[in-house]
Structures are given as C-alpha cells and as structure tokens.
C-alpha atoms as a PDB file:
ATOM      1  CA  MET A   1     170.374 122.313 192.548  1.00  0.00           C
ATOM      2  CA  ARG A   2     169.596 120.926 189.121  1.00  0.00           C
ATOM      3  CA  GLY A   3     170.635 117.335 188.458  1.00  0.00           C
ATOM      4  CA  SER A   4     172.346 116.025 185.370  1.00  0.00           C
ATOM      5  CA  ASP A   5     170.387 114.681 182.406  1.00  0.00           C
ATOM      6  CA  GLY A   6     173.130 112.167 181.575  1.00  0.00           C
ATOM      7  CA  MET A   7     172.629 108.441 181.106  1.00  0.00           C
ATOM      8  CA  GLN A   8     174.356 105.801 183.228  1.00  0.00           C
ATOM      9  CA  GLU A   9     173.615 102.896 180.931  1.00  0.00           C
ATOM     10  CA  GLY A  10     177.132 101.463 181.318  1.00  0.00           C
ATOM     11  CA  LEU A  11     176.366 100.864 184.973  1.00  0.00           C
ATOM     12  CA  PHE A  12     173.649  98.318 184.191  1.00  0.00           C
ATOM     13  CA  THR A  13     174.483  96.665 180.879  1.00  0.00           C
ATOM     14  CA  MET A  14     177.321  96.199 178.422  1.00  0.00           C
ATOM     15  CA  THR A  15     175.181  97.297 175.459  1.00  0.00           C
ATOM     16  CA  LYS A  16     173.622 100.675 174.852  1.00  0.00           C
ATOM     17  CA  LEU A  17     169.945 101.165 175.629  1.00  0.00           C
ATOM     18  CA  GLU A  18     169.506 102.393 172.053  1.00  0.00           C
ATOM     19  CA  ASP A  19     170.284  98.854 170.853  1.00  0.00           C
ATOM     20  CA  PHE A  20     167.083  97.539 172.449  1.00  0.00           C
ATOM     21  CA  VAL A  21     164.763  99.852 170.485  1.00  0.00           C
ATOM     22  CA  PRO A  22     164.317  99.112 166.765  1.00  0.00           C
ATOM     23  CA  TRP A  23     165.302 101.955 164.421  1.00  0.00           C
ATOM     24  CA  ASP A  24     161.800 102.074 162.928  1.00  0.00           C
ATOM     25  CA  HIS A  25     160.039 102.263 166.310  1.00  0.00           C
ATOM     26  CA  PRO A  26     157.480 105.119 166.479  1.00  0.00           C
ATOM     27  CA  LEU A  27     159.077 106.465 169.677  1.00  0.00           C
ATOM     28  CA  ARG A  28     162.240 107.572 167.893  1.00  0.00           C
ATOM     29  CA  PRO A  29     160.757 110.636 166.114  1.00  0.00           C
ATOM     30  CA  ILE A  30     158.804 111.531 169.254  1.00  0.00           C
ATOM     31  CA  GLN A  31     162.035 111.370 171.277  1.00  0.00           C
ATOM     32  CA  VAL A  32     163.662 113.844 168.895  1.00  0.00           C
ATOM     33  CA  LEU A  33     160.748 116.296 169.259  1.00  0.00           C
ATOM     34  CA  VAL A  34     160.712 116.008 173.059  1.00  0.00           C
ATOM     35  CA  ASN A  35     164.488 116.491 173.291  1.00  0.00           C
ATOM     36  CA  GLU A  36     164.320 119.583 171.050  1.00  0.00           C
ATOM     37  CA  ALA A  37     161.528 121.084 173.181  1.00  0.00           C
ATOM     38  CA  LEU A  38     163.436 120.361 176.384  1.00  0.00           C
ATOM     39  CA  GLY A  39     166.552 121.905 174.868  1.00  0.00           C
ATOM     40  CA  ARG A  40     164.625 125.150 174.335  1.00  0.00           C
ATOM     41  CA  LEU A  41     163.564 125.048 178.001  1.00  0.00           C
ATOM     42  CA  ASN A  42     167.146 124.625 179.231  1.00  0.00           C
ATOM     43  CA  GLY A  43     167.571 128.321 180.044  1.00  0.00           C
ATOM     44  CA  LEU A  44     164.340 128.373 182.045  1.00  0.00           C
ATOM     45  CA  PHE A  45     165.383 125.298 184.003  1.00  0.00           C
ATOM     46  CA  ASN A  46     168.710 126.957 184.813  1.00  0.00           C
ATOM     47  CA  GLU A  47     166.914 130.036 186.146  1.00  0.00           C
ATOM     48  CA  ILE A  48     164.451 128.259 188.420  1.00  0.00           C
ATOM     49  CA  TYR A  49     166.880 125.785 190.004  1.00  0.00           C
ATOM     50  CA  ALA A  50     169.186 126.898 192.830  1.00  0.00           C
ATOM     51  CA  ASP A  51     172.951 126.977 192.344  1.00  0.00           C
ATOM     52  CA  THR A  52     173.675 125.279 195.662  1.00  0.00           C
ATOM     53  CA  GLY A  53     172.318 122.371 197.650  1.00  0.00           C
ATOM     54  CA  ARG A  54     171.683 118.750 196.921  1.00  0.00           C
ATOM     55  CA  GLN A  55     171.200 117.754 193.291  1.00  0.00           C
ATOM     56  CA  SER A  56     167.660 116.966 192.251  1.00  0.00           C
ATOM     57  CA  ILE A  57     166.398 114.712 189.510  1.00  0.00           C
ATOM     58  CA  ALA A  58     166.937 116.471 186.200  1.00  0.00           C
ATOM     59  CA  PRO A  59     163.725 118.199 185.095  1.00  0.00           C
ATOM     60  CA  GLU A  60     164.174 116.716 181.619  1.00  0.00           C
ATOM     61  CA  LYS A  61     163.901 113.217 183.074  1.00  0.00           C
ATOM     62  CA  ILE A  62     160.808 114.175 185.058  1.00  0.00           C
ATOM     63  CA  VAL A  63     159.127 115.500 181.890  1.00  0.00           C
ATOM     64  CA  ARG A  64     160.153 112.523 179.726  1.00  0.00           C
ATOM     65  CA  MET A  65     158.784 109.802 182.010  1.00  0.00           C
ATOM     66  CA  PRO A  66     155.046 110.531 181.624  1.00  0.00           C
ATOM     67  CA  CYS A  67     155.621 110.643 177.845  1.00  0.00           C
ATOM     68  CA  ALA A  68     157.689 107.469 177.608  1.00  0.00           C
ATOM     69  CA  VAL A  69     155.647 105.083 179.725  1.00  0.00           C
ATOM     70  CA  PRO A  70     152.336 105.096 177.794  1.00  0.00           C
ATOM     71  CA  LEU A  71     154.032 105.420 174.408  1.00  0.00           C
ATOM     72  CA  GLY A  72     156.491 102.630 175.185  1.00  0.00           C
ATOM     73  CA  ALA A  73     153.625 100.296 176.044  1.00  0.00           C
ATOM     74  CA  ALA A  74     151.916 100.910 172.701  1.00  0.00           C
ATOM     75  CA  ARG A  75     152.921  98.329 170.124  1.00  0.00           C
END
C-alpha cells in the first residue's frame, strides 16, 4: 500500500522547514522541477502499489532523497 507524501514538520519544530532554506537557494527551482516530474508519475505509482496491506514509504520521498542529499551539501 502506498504511503502518504505529506510532511509532519509540526511534530518536530514550531517553525516550517521552508523557513530554514533561503529563498534564493539553488535547491528551490530544482525542488519545483522534481515535484512536477513526480506529479506526472502519480498515476503510475497508484497502479503499481497495492490497495491493501501496510503502508510503505511514499515513492516520492524515496526518489527525492538521493536528489536532496548531494545538492543540499553543495554550498
């Protein structure tokens, strides 16, 4: 079963995670492109994940992590 792609930032901090990244950071336009691409894959993800069972990690999160880690380290 496909997990949710929602954020639980309120669980860990009183401020939004967006507040920690400057508005002119190079990751922001890349995030938009990745989110648009993942949005187009939404139908495919719905087809390949089962309707029942235990929820998995959202495929969007699995795809974002290898992108975010090296780009987030670049300054």
